[in-house]
Amino acid sequence: MADGIHGNRYLDYPGELRKGIMLHRYIDTFTDAHPIYRKSKHRLHEKYGHYSGVIMDIVYDHFLAKNWSKYSNESLEVYADSFYKLLKDNYNILTERTHKIIPYMINGNWLLSYASLEGLEMILFQMNYQTKHQTNMQEAVEEVKQFYIEFEEEFTLFFEELKKYCEDKINDNCLGTNF
């Protein structure tokens, strides 16, 4: 949702959601500039161009879901269920774009689907549909398989740095300021 909220429009949302939007912006900026992420993304750039970043975000989500138990004491199933409930309970404050995605996300159980290559391919196919078939994103699963070990190692290193970065932003109370 945060991707569609530009400029100071985040101020239109309640405090915790506002903080989440700001954290999302910080994460996007950190990720896009990070050399490990850029290295991963570069493998896909020639074939997928601008969409290599979208694909890589989803591939990194795959590794997060696959290795969830390393990062959380709560199971991915329990987390996903509580997240979907949170979406439903706060439907009235979500963007119209988010309203359109929610049924697909819940029915396809995207958060759990990310953990498998089959689920990753399905999500890439759905994202390709969202972009009006401008690229065949689901085909990126072949590159993921080809460079699976490299992508996973890069994700693991990157994610450790991202966790530290987020902790610093939260501890420094940077989420209440303008971005």
N, C-alpha and C. Protein backbone atom coordinates (compact mmCIF):
# COMPACT_ATOMS: atom_id res chain seq x y z
N MET A 1 0.82 -1.18 0.00
CA MET A 1 0.00 0.00 0.00
C MET A 1 0.87 1.25 0.00
N ALA A 2 1.95 1.20 0.75
CA ALA A 2 2.79 2.40 0.91
C ALA A 2 3.36 2.89 -0.42
N ASP A 3 3.56 1.99 -1.38
CA ASP A 3 4.11 2.40 -2.67
C ASP A 3 3.20 3.40 -3.38
N GLY A 4 1.91 3.34 -3.12
CA GLY A 4 0.97 4.24 -3.79
C GLY A 4 0.66 5.51 -3.02
N ILE A 5 1.33 5.73 -1.92
CA ILE A 5 1.09 6.93 -1.11
C ILE A 5 2.30 7.85 -1.26
N HIS A 6 2.09 8.93 -1.96
CA HIS A 6 3.22 9.80 -2.33
C HIS A 6 3.24 11.08 -1.50
N GLY A 7 4.44 11.66 -1.44
CA GLY A 7 4.62 12.93 -0.75
C GLY A 7 4.14 12.89 0.69
N ASN A 8 3.45 13.95 1.07
CA ASN A 8 2.95 14.06 2.44
C ASN A 8 1.60 13.38 2.65
N ARG A 9 1.11 12.65 1.67
CA ARG A 9 -0.19 11.97 1.81
C ARG A 9 -0.18 10.97 2.96
N TYR A 10 1.00 10.52 3.39
CA TYR A 10 1.07 9.61 4.53
C TYR A 10 0.51 10.24 5.80
N LEU A 11 0.49 11.57 5.84
CA LEU A 11 -0.04 12.27 7.00
C LEU A 11 -1.55 12.10 7.15
N ASP A 12 -2.20 11.62 6.09
CA ASP A 12 -3.65 11.39 6.12
C ASP A 12 -4.03 10.13 6.90
N TYR A 13 -3.03 9.36 7.33
CA TYR A 13 -3.29 8.06 7.96
C TYR A 13 -3.00 8.12 9.46
N PRO A 14 -3.63 7.21 10.21
CA PRO A 14 -3.39 7.16 11.67
C PRO A 14 -1.92 6.88 11.98
N GLY A 15 -1.52 7.20 13.20
CA GLY A 15 -0.13 7.16 13.64
C GLY A 15 0.66 5.91 13.31
N GLU A 16 0.15 4.74 13.69
CA GLU A 16 0.91 3.51 13.45
C GLU A 16 1.04 3.20 11.96
N LEU A 17 -0.01 3.45 11.22
CA LEU A 17 0.04 3.23 9.77
C LEU A 17 1.01 4.22 9.13
N ARG A 18 0.97 5.44 9.61
CA ARG A 18 1.89 6.48 9.14
C ARG A 18 3.35 6.03 9.35
N LYS A 19 3.63 5.50 10.55
CA LYS A 19 4.98 5.01 10.84
C LYS A 19 5.36 3.86 9.91
N GLY A 20 4.40 2.99 9.63
CA GLY A 20 4.66 1.88 8.72
C GLY A 20 4.97 2.35 7.31
N ILE A 21 4.26 3.37 6.87
CA ILE A 21 4.52 3.94 5.53
C ILE A 21 5.92 4.54 5.49
N MET A 22 6.29 5.25 6.55
CA MET A 22 7.62 5.85 6.60
C MET A 22 8.70 4.77 6.63
N LEU A 23 8.50 3.73 7.43
CA LEU A 23 9.48 2.65 7.48
C LEU A 23 9.60 1.99 6.12
N HIS A 24 8.47 1.80 5.45
CA HIS A 24 8.50 1.21 4.10
C HIS A 24 9.33 2.08 3.15
N ARG A 25 9.17 3.37 3.24
CA ARG A 25 9.96 4.28 2.38
C ARG A 25 11.45 4.16 2.68
N TYR A 26 11.79 4.11 3.95
CA TYR A 26 13.20 3.94 4.33
C TYR A 26 13.74 2.61 3.81
N ILE A 27 12.95 1.55 3.95
CA ILE A 27 13.38 0.23 3.48
C ILE A 27 13.59 0.24 1.97
N ASP A 28 12.66 0.85 1.23
CA ASP A 28 12.80 0.92 -0.23
C ASP A 28 14.08 1.66 -0.63
N THR A 29 14.35 2.79 0.03
CA THR A 29 15.54 3.57 -0.29
C THR A 29 16.81 2.78 0.03
N PHE A 30 16.83 2.16 1.19
CA PHE A 30 17.97 1.34 1.61
C PHE A 30 18.19 0.20 0.62
N THR A 31 17.10 -0.49 0.28
CA THR A 31 17.19 -1.65 -0.60
C THR A 31 17.68 -1.26 -1.99
N ASP A 32 17.07 -0.25 -2.57
CA ASP A 32 17.42 0.14 -3.94
C ASP A 32 18.88 0.53 -4.09
N ALA A 33 19.47 1.09 -3.04
CA ALA A 33 20.86 1.55 -3.10
C ALA A 33 21.85 0.49 -2.62
N HIS A 34 21.37 -0.60 -2.06
CA HIS A 34 22.27 -1.57 -1.44
C HIS A 34 23.03 -2.40 -2.49
N PRO A 35 24.37 -2.50 -2.36
CA PRO A 35 25.16 -3.23 -3.36
C PRO A 35 24.80 -4.72 -3.48
N ILE A 36 24.42 -5.36 -2.40
CA ILE A 36 24.06 -6.78 -2.50
C ILE A 36 22.77 -6.93 -3.30
N TYR A 37 21.78 -6.12 -2.98
CA TYR A 37 20.51 -6.18 -3.71
C TYR A 37 20.74 -5.84 -5.19
N ARG A 38 21.54 -4.83 -5.44
CA ARG A 38 21.81 -4.43 -6.83
C ARG A 38 22.50 -5.56 -7.61
N LYS A 39 23.37 -6.28 -6.94
CA LYS A 39 24.04 -7.42 -7.56
C LYS A 39 23.01 -8.49 -7.94
N SER A 40 22.10 -8.79 -7.03
CA SER A 40 21.05 -9.76 -7.32
C SER A 40 20.20 -9.29 -8.50
N LYS A 41 19.76 -8.06 -8.43
CA LYS A 41 18.88 -7.49 -9.45
C LYS A 41 19.55 -7.46 -10.82
N HIS A 42 20.84 -7.24 -10.83
CA HIS A 42 21.58 -7.13 -12.09
C HIS A 42 21.48 -8.41 -12.93
N ARG A 43 21.40 -9.56 -12.27
CA ARG A 43 21.28 -10.82 -13.00
C ARG A 43 20.01 -10.87 -13.85
N LEU A 44 19.00 -10.13 -13.46
CA LEU A 44 17.71 -10.16 -14.16
C LEU A 44 17.51 -8.98 -15.10
N HIS A 45 18.38 -7.99 -15.00
CA HIS A 45 18.14 -6.72 -15.69
C HIS A 45 18.09 -6.85 -17.21
N GLU A 46 18.98 -7.61 -17.79
CA GLU A 46 19.02 -7.66 -19.26
C GLU A 46 17.70 -8.17 -19.84
N LYS A 47 17.12 -9.17 -19.21
CA LYS A 47 15.89 -9.76 -19.75
C LYS A 47 14.63 -9.01 -19.31
N TYR A 48 14.63 -8.46 -18.08
CA TYR A 48 13.40 -7.90 -17.52
C TYR A 48 13.44 -6.39 -17.33
N GLY A 49 14.59 -5.77 -17.60
CA GLY A 49 14.70 -4.31 -17.53
C GLY A 49 14.19 -3.73 -16.23
N HIS A 50 13.33 -2.73 -16.36
CA HIS A 50 12.76 -2.01 -15.22
C HIS A 50 12.10 -2.98 -14.22
N TYR A 51 11.54 -4.05 -14.69
CA TYR A 51 10.82 -4.99 -13.82
C TYR A 51 11.75 -5.91 -13.03
N SER A 52 13.04 -5.83 -13.29
CA SER A 52 13.97 -6.68 -12.53
C SER A 52 13.92 -6.34 -11.04
N GLY A 53 13.68 -5.10 -10.70
CA GLY A 53 13.55 -4.71 -9.29
C GLY A 53 12.29 -5.27 -8.66
N VAL A 54 11.18 -5.23 -9.39
CA VAL A 54 9.93 -5.80 -8.89
C VAL A 54 10.10 -7.29 -8.66
N ILE A 55 10.70 -7.96 -9.63
CA ILE A 55 10.92 -9.40 -9.53
C ILE A 55 11.84 -9.71 -8.35
N MET A 56 12.92 -8.95 -8.22
CA MET A 56 13.87 -9.23 -7.15
C MET A 56 13.24 -9.02 -5.78
N ASP A 57 12.38 -8.02 -5.64
CA ASP A 57 11.67 -7.83 -4.37
C ASP A 57 10.87 -9.09 -4.02
N ILE A 58 10.21 -9.66 -5.00
CA ILE A 58 9.40 -10.86 -4.78
C ILE A 58 10.29 -12.07 -4.50
N VAL A 59 11.42 -12.15 -5.19
CA VAL A 59 12.37 -13.25 -4.94
C VAL A 59 12.92 -13.16 -3.51
N TYR A 60 13.25 -11.96 -3.07
CA TYR A 60 13.72 -11.81 -1.70
C TYR A 60 12.60 -12.15 -0.71
N ASP A 61 11.36 -11.82 -1.06
CA ASP A 61 10.22 -12.24 -0.23
C ASP A 61 10.16 -13.76 -0.15
N HIS A 62 10.47 -14.43 -1.25
CA HIS A 62 10.51 -15.90 -1.26
C HIS A 62 11.49 -16.42 -0.21
N PHE A 63 12.69 -15.86 -0.20
CA PHE A 63 13.69 -16.33 0.75
C PHE A 63 13.31 -15.99 2.20
N LEU A 64 12.65 -14.87 2.40
CA LEU A 64 12.17 -14.54 3.73
C LEU A 64 11.13 -15.58 4.19
N ALA A 65 10.17 -15.88 3.32
CA ALA A 65 9.13 -16.86 3.68
C ALA A 65 9.73 -18.25 3.86
N LYS A 66 10.63 -18.63 2.97
CA LYS A 66 11.25 -19.96 3.04
C LYS A 66 12.00 -20.15 4.36
N ASN A 67 12.65 -19.09 4.81
CA ASN A 67 13.50 -19.16 6.01
C ASN A 67 12.86 -18.44 7.21
N TRP A 68 11.56 -18.31 7.19
CA TRP A 68 10.83 -17.53 8.20
C TRP A 68 11.23 -17.89 9.63
N SER A 69 11.38 -19.17 9.90
CA SER A 69 11.65 -19.60 11.28
C SER A 69 12.99 -19.08 11.80
N LYS A 70 13.88 -18.65 10.93
CA LYS A 70 15.14 -18.04 11.36
C LYS A 70 14.93 -16.61 11.88
N TYR A 71 13.82 -16.00 11.46
CA TYR A 71 13.61 -14.59 11.75
C TYR A 71 12.47 -14.31 12.72
N SER A 72 11.64 -15.32 12.98
CA SER A 72 10.49 -15.11 13.85
C SER A 72 10.19 -16.35 14.67
N ASN A 73 9.75 -16.14 15.89
CA ASN A 73 9.31 -17.25 16.73
C ASN A 73 7.88 -17.67 16.40
N GLU A 74 7.16 -16.81 15.71
CA GLU A 74 5.79 -17.10 15.30
C GLU A 74 5.82 -17.78 13.93
N SER A 75 5.04 -18.81 13.74
CA SER A 75 5.04 -19.51 12.45
C SER A 75 4.52 -18.58 11.36
N LEU A 76 4.93 -18.84 10.15
CA LEU A 76 4.47 -18.04 9.01
C LEU A 76 2.96 -18.19 8.85
N GLU A 77 2.42 -19.36 9.12
CA GLU A 77 0.98 -19.58 8.99
C GLU A 77 0.20 -18.68 9.96
N VAL A 78 0.66 -18.63 11.20
CA VAL A 78 -0.01 -17.79 12.20
C VAL A 78 0.15 -16.32 11.83
N TYR A 79 1.35 -15.93 11.42
CA TYR A 79 1.59 -14.54 11.02
C TYR A 79 0.69 -14.15 9.85
N ALA A 80 0.61 -15.00 8.84
CA ALA A 80 -0.20 -14.71 7.66
C ALA A 80 -1.67 -14.55 8.04
N ASP A 81 -2.18 -15.46 8.85
CA ASP A 81 -3.57 -15.36 9.28
C ASP A 81 -3.85 -14.06 10.01
N SER A 82 -2.94 -13.68 10.91
CA SER A 82 -3.15 -12.43 11.66
C SER A 82 -3.02 -11.21 10.75
N PHE A 83 -2.14 -11.30 9.76
CA PHE A 83 -1.99 -10.20 8.80
C PHE A 83 -3.25 -10.03 7.96
N TYR A 84 -3.79 -11.13 7.46
CA TYR A 84 -5.01 -11.06 6.65
C TYR A 84 -6.18 -10.52 7.48
N LYS A 85 -6.25 -10.92 8.74
CA LYS A 85 -7.29 -10.41 9.63
C LYS A 85 -7.11 -8.91 9.83
N LEU A 86 -5.88 -8.47 9.99
CA LEU A 86 -5.59 -7.05 10.15
C LEU A 86 -6.05 -6.26 8.92
N LEU A 87 -5.82 -6.81 7.73
CA LEU A 87 -6.29 -6.15 6.51
C LEU A 87 -7.81 -6.00 6.52
N LYS A 88 -8.50 -7.07 6.86
CA LYS A 88 -9.97 -7.04 6.88
C LYS A 88 -10.48 -6.07 7.94
N ASP A 89 -9.86 -6.08 9.11
CA ASP A 89 -10.31 -5.22 10.21
C ASP A 89 -10.07 -3.74 9.93
N ASN A 90 -9.11 -3.45 9.06
CA ASN A 90 -8.77 -2.05 8.77
C ASN A 90 -9.06 -1.68 7.32
N TYR A 91 -9.95 -2.40 6.71
CA TYR A 91 -10.28 -2.22 5.30
C TYR A 91 -10.63 -0.76 4.97
N ASN A 92 -11.36 -0.12 5.86
CA ASN A 92 -11.84 1.24 5.60
C ASN A 92 -10.73 2.28 5.50
N ILE A 93 -9.55 2.00 6.02
CA ILE A 93 -8.47 3.01 5.92
C ILE A 93 -7.43 2.65 4.86
N LEU A 94 -7.64 1.55 4.14
CA LEU A 94 -6.70 1.13 3.11
C LEU A 94 -7.03 1.80 1.78
N THR A 95 -6.04 1.88 0.92
CA THR A 95 -6.24 2.52 -0.38
C THR A 95 -7.09 1.65 -1.30
N GLU A 96 -7.68 2.29 -2.30
CA GLU A 96 -8.49 1.57 -3.28
C GLU A 96 -7.66 0.50 -4.00
N ARG A 97 -6.44 0.82 -4.31
CA ARG A 97 -5.55 -0.15 -4.96
C ARG A 97 -5.36 -1.39 -4.08
N THR A 98 -5.19 -1.15 -2.78
CA THR A 98 -5.03 -2.25 -1.84
C THR A 98 -6.32 -3.07 -1.77
N HIS A 99 -7.47 -2.40 -1.80
CA HIS A 99 -8.75 -3.11 -1.80
C HIS A 99 -8.82 -4.12 -2.94
N LYS A 100 -8.30 -3.74 -4.09
CA LYS A 100 -8.37 -4.62 -5.27
C LYS A 100 -7.46 -5.84 -5.13
N ILE A 101 -6.36 -5.68 -4.42
CA ILE A 101 -5.38 -6.77 -4.30
C ILE A 101 -5.74 -7.75 -3.19
N ILE A 102 -6.39 -7.26 -2.14
CA ILE A 102 -6.66 -8.08 -0.95
C ILE A 102 -7.30 -9.43 -1.29
N PRO A 103 -8.36 -9.48 -2.09
CA PRO A 103 -8.97 -10.80 -2.35
C PRO A 103 -8.00 -11.80 -2.99
N TYR A 104 -7.17 -11.33 -3.91
CA TYR A 104 -6.19 -12.21 -4.55
C TYR A 104 -5.14 -12.67 -3.54
N MET A 105 -4.72 -11.73 -2.70
CA MET A 105 -3.70 -12.04 -1.70
C MET A 105 -4.20 -13.09 -0.71
N ILE A 106 -5.42 -12.91 -0.23
CA ILE A 106 -5.96 -13.83 0.77
C ILE A 106 -6.33 -15.17 0.13
N ASN A 107 -7.04 -15.13 -0.99
CA ASN A 107 -7.46 -16.38 -1.65
C ASN A 107 -6.28 -17.21 -2.11
N GLY A 108 -5.23 -16.55 -2.57
CA GLY A 108 -4.03 -17.25 -3.00
C GLY A 108 -3.04 -17.49 -1.86
N ASN A 109 -3.38 -16.98 -0.69
CA ASN A 109 -2.52 -17.06 0.49
C ASN A 109 -1.07 -16.72 0.11
N TRP A 110 -0.92 -15.53 -0.42
CA TRP A 110 0.37 -15.09 -0.95
C TRP A 110 1.50 -15.25 0.06
N LEU A 111 1.27 -14.85 1.30
CA LEU A 111 2.37 -14.88 2.26
C LEU A 111 2.94 -16.28 2.44
N LEU A 112 2.09 -17.29 2.44
CA LEU A 112 2.58 -18.67 2.51
C LEU A 112 3.11 -19.13 1.16
N SER A 113 2.47 -18.69 0.10
CA SER A 113 2.88 -19.10 -1.25
C SER A 113 4.30 -18.69 -1.59
N TYR A 114 4.73 -17.58 -1.03
CA TYR A 114 6.09 -17.11 -1.30
C TYR A 114 7.15 -18.15 -0.95
N ALA A 115 6.85 -19.05 -0.02
CA ALA A 115 7.86 -19.99 0.47
C ALA A 115 8.26 -21.05 -0.56
N SER A 116 7.43 -21.33 -1.55
CA SER A 116 7.75 -22.36 -2.54
C SER A 116 8.03 -21.73 -3.91
N LEU A 117 8.78 -22.43 -4.73
CA LEU A 117 9.03 -21.94 -6.09
C LEU A 117 7.76 -21.91 -6.91
N GLU A 118 6.86 -22.87 -6.67
CA GLU A 118 5.59 -22.88 -7.39
C GLU A 118 4.76 -21.65 -7.02
N GLY A 119 4.74 -21.35 -5.74
CA GLY A 119 4.03 -20.16 -5.28
C GLY A 119 4.66 -18.89 -5.81
N LEU A 120 5.97 -18.85 -5.82
CA LEU A 120 6.69 -17.70 -6.38
C LEU A 120 6.29 -17.49 -7.83
N GLU A 121 6.25 -18.55 -8.60
CA GLU A 121 5.88 -18.45 -10.01
C GLU A 121 4.44 -17.94 -10.16
N MET A 122 3.53 -18.43 -9.31
CA MET A 122 2.14 -17.98 -9.36
C MET A 122 2.04 -16.49 -9.05
N ILE A 123 2.78 -16.04 -8.04
CA ILE A 123 2.74 -14.63 -7.67
C ILE A 123 3.33 -13.77 -8.79
N LEU A 124 4.41 -14.22 -9.39
CA LEU A 124 5.00 -13.49 -10.52
C LEU A 124 4.02 -13.43 -11.70
N PHE A 125 3.30 -14.51 -11.92
CA PHE A 125 2.29 -14.53 -12.99
C PHE A 125 1.21 -13.50 -12.70
N GLN A 126 0.74 -13.44 -11.45
CA GLN A 126 -0.29 -12.47 -11.08
C GLN A 126 0.23 -11.04 -11.17
N MET A 127 1.48 -10.83 -10.80
CA MET A 127 2.07 -9.49 -10.93
C MET A 127 2.21 -9.11 -12.39
N ASN A 128 2.53 -10.08 -13.23
CA ASN A 128 2.62 -9.83 -14.66
C ASN A 128 1.27 -9.38 -15.21
N TYR A 129 0.21 -9.99 -14.72
CA TYR A 129 -1.14 -9.61 -15.10
C TYR A 129 -1.41 -8.17 -14.69
N GLN A 130 -0.97 -7.79 -13.50
CA GLN A 130 -1.16 -6.42 -12.99
C GLN A 130 -0.45 -5.39 -13.87
N THR A 131 0.65 -5.81 -14.50
CA THR A 131 1.40 -4.89 -15.36
C THR A 131 0.96 -5.00 -16.82
N LYS A 132 -0.21 -5.63 -17.03
CA LYS A 132 -0.79 -5.78 -18.37
C LYS A 132 0.14 -6.54 -19.31
N HIS A 133 0.81 -7.55 -18.76
CA HIS A 133 1.66 -8.47 -19.53
C HIS A 133 2.80 -7.77 -20.27
N GLN A 134 3.35 -6.73 -19.67
CA GLN A 134 4.45 -6.02 -20.32
C GLN A 134 5.73 -6.84 -20.34
N THR A 135 5.83 -7.80 -19.46
CA THR A 135 6.96 -8.72 -19.43
C THR A 135 6.46 -10.05 -18.89
N ASN A 136 7.14 -11.10 -19.16
CA ASN A 136 6.74 -12.42 -18.67
C ASN A 136 7.46 -12.70 -17.36
N MET A 137 7.05 -12.02 -16.31
CA MET A 137 7.74 -12.11 -15.02
C MET A 137 7.84 -13.54 -14.51
N GLN A 138 6.81 -14.34 -14.73
CA GLN A 138 6.83 -15.70 -14.20
C GLN A 138 8.00 -16.51 -14.76
N GLU A 139 8.51 -16.12 -15.91
CA GLU A 139 9.67 -16.82 -16.49
C GLU A 139 10.93 -16.62 -15.67
N ALA A 140 10.94 -15.61 -14.81
CA ALA A 140 12.12 -15.34 -13.97
C ALA A 140 12.41 -16.48 -13.01
N VAL A 141 11.44 -17.37 -12.81
CA VAL A 141 11.66 -18.53 -11.95
C VAL A 141 12.83 -19.36 -12.48
N GLU A 142 13.01 -19.37 -13.79
CA GLU A 142 14.13 -20.12 -14.38
C GLU A 142 15.47 -19.53 -13.93
N GLU A 143 15.57 -18.21 -13.94
CA GLU A 143 16.80 -17.57 -13.46
C GLU A 143 16.97 -17.78 -11.96
N VAL A 144 15.87 -17.76 -11.23
CA VAL A 144 15.95 -18.00 -9.79
C VAL A 144 16.52 -19.40 -9.55
N LYS A 145 16.03 -20.38 -10.28
CA LYS A 145 16.55 -21.75 -10.13
C LYS A 145 18.03 -21.82 -10.51
N GLN A 146 18.39 -21.13 -11.58
CA GLN A 146 19.77 -21.16 -12.06
C GLN A 146 20.73 -20.55 -11.03
N PHE A 147 20.32 -19.48 -10.36
CA PHE A 147 21.19 -18.77 -9.41
C PHE A 147 20.66 -18.86 -7.98
N TYR A 148 19.97 -19.94 -7.68
CA TYR A 148 19.27 -20.07 -6.40
C TYR A 148 20.22 -19.90 -5.20
N ILE A 149 21.33 -20.58 -5.22
CA ILE A 149 22.27 -20.51 -4.09
C ILE A 149 22.80 -19.09 -3.93
N GLU A 150 23.17 -18.47 -5.05
CA GLU A 150 23.70 -17.10 -4.99
C GLU A 150 22.65 -16.13 -4.46
N PHE A 151 21.42 -16.23 -4.99
CA PHE A 151 20.35 -15.34 -4.53
C PHE A 151 20.08 -15.52 -3.04
N GLU A 152 20.04 -16.76 -2.58
CA GLU A 152 19.75 -17.00 -1.16
C GLU A 152 20.87 -16.48 -0.27
N GLU A 153 22.11 -16.68 -0.67
CA GLU A 153 23.24 -16.16 0.11
C GLU A 153 23.20 -14.64 0.16
N GLU A 154 22.91 -14.02 -0.98
CA GLU A 154 22.84 -12.56 -1.04
C GLU A 154 21.69 -12.05 -0.17
N PHE A 155 20.54 -12.71 -0.26
CA PHE A 155 19.41 -12.31 0.57
C PHE A 155 19.78 -12.37 2.05
N THR A 156 20.40 -13.45 2.46
CA THR A 156 20.73 -13.64 3.87
C THR A 156 21.63 -12.52 4.38
N LEU A 157 22.66 -12.19 3.62
CA LEU A 157 23.55 -11.10 4.01
C LEU A 157 22.81 -9.76 4.03
N PHE A 158 22.05 -9.52 2.98
CA PHE A 158 21.30 -8.27 2.87
C PHE A 158 20.31 -8.13 4.02
N PHE A 159 19.58 -9.20 4.32
CA PHE A 159 18.52 -9.11 5.31
C PHE A 159 19.07 -8.82 6.70
N GLU A 160 20.23 -9.36 7.01
CA GLU A 160 20.84 -9.04 8.31
C GLU A 160 21.12 -7.54 8.41
N GLU A 161 21.61 -6.96 7.33
CA GLU A 161 21.89 -5.52 7.32
C GLU A 161 20.59 -4.72 7.38
N LEU A 162 19.57 -5.19 6.67
CA LEU A 162 18.28 -4.50 6.67
C LEU A 162 17.64 -4.52 8.05
N LYS A 163 17.71 -5.64 8.74
CA LYS A 163 17.16 -5.72 10.10
C LYS A 163 17.82 -4.69 11.00
N LYS A 164 19.13 -4.61 10.93
CA LYS A 164 19.87 -3.65 11.75
C LYS A 164 19.48 -2.21 11.39
N TYR A 165 19.38 -1.94 10.11
CA TYR A 165 18.99 -0.61 9.63
C TYR A 165 17.61 -0.22 10.17
N CYS A 166 16.65 -1.15 10.10
CA CYS A 166 15.29 -0.89 10.59
C CYS A 166 15.29 -0.66 12.11
N GLU A 167 16.02 -1.48 12.82
CA GLU A 167 16.12 -1.30 14.27
C GLU A 167 16.65 0.09 14.60
N ASP A 168 17.67 0.53 13.86
CA ASP A 168 18.24 1.86 14.09
C ASP A 168 17.21 2.95 13.80
N LYS A 169 16.47 2.82 12.72
CA LYS A 169 15.46 3.82 12.37
C LYS A 169 14.38 3.90 13.44
N ILE A 170 13.94 2.74 13.91
CA ILE A 170 12.91 2.71 14.94
C ILE A 170 13.45 3.28 16.25
N ASN A 171 14.64 2.87 16.64
CA ASN A 171 15.24 3.35 17.89
C ASN A 171 15.58 4.83 17.85
N ASP A 172 15.93 5.34 16.67
CA ASP A 172 16.26 6.76 16.54
C ASP A 172 15.01 7.63 16.38
N ASN A 173 13.84 6.97 16.41
CA ASN A 173 12.56 7.66 16.27
C ASN A 173 12.48 8.45 14.96
N CYS A 174 12.98 7.87 13.88
CA CYS A 174 12.99 8.53 12.58
C CYS A 174 11.66 8.41 11.84
N LEU A 175 10.73 7.66 12.37
CA LEU A 175 9.51 7.39 11.62
C LEU A 175 8.45 8.47 11.78
N GLY A 176 8.69 9.40 12.67
CA GLY A 176 7.72 10.47 12.87
C GLY A 176 8.08 11.73 12.12
N THR A 177 9.17 11.69 11.38
CA THR A 177 9.64 12.89 10.67
C THR A 177 9.28 12.82 9.20
N ASN A 178 9.40 13.94 8.54
CA ASN A 178 9.14 13.97 7.09
C ASN A 178 10.24 13.23 6.37
N PHE A 179 9.89 12.63 5.27
CA PHE A 179 10.86 11.87 4.46
C PHE A 179 11.12 12.58 3.16
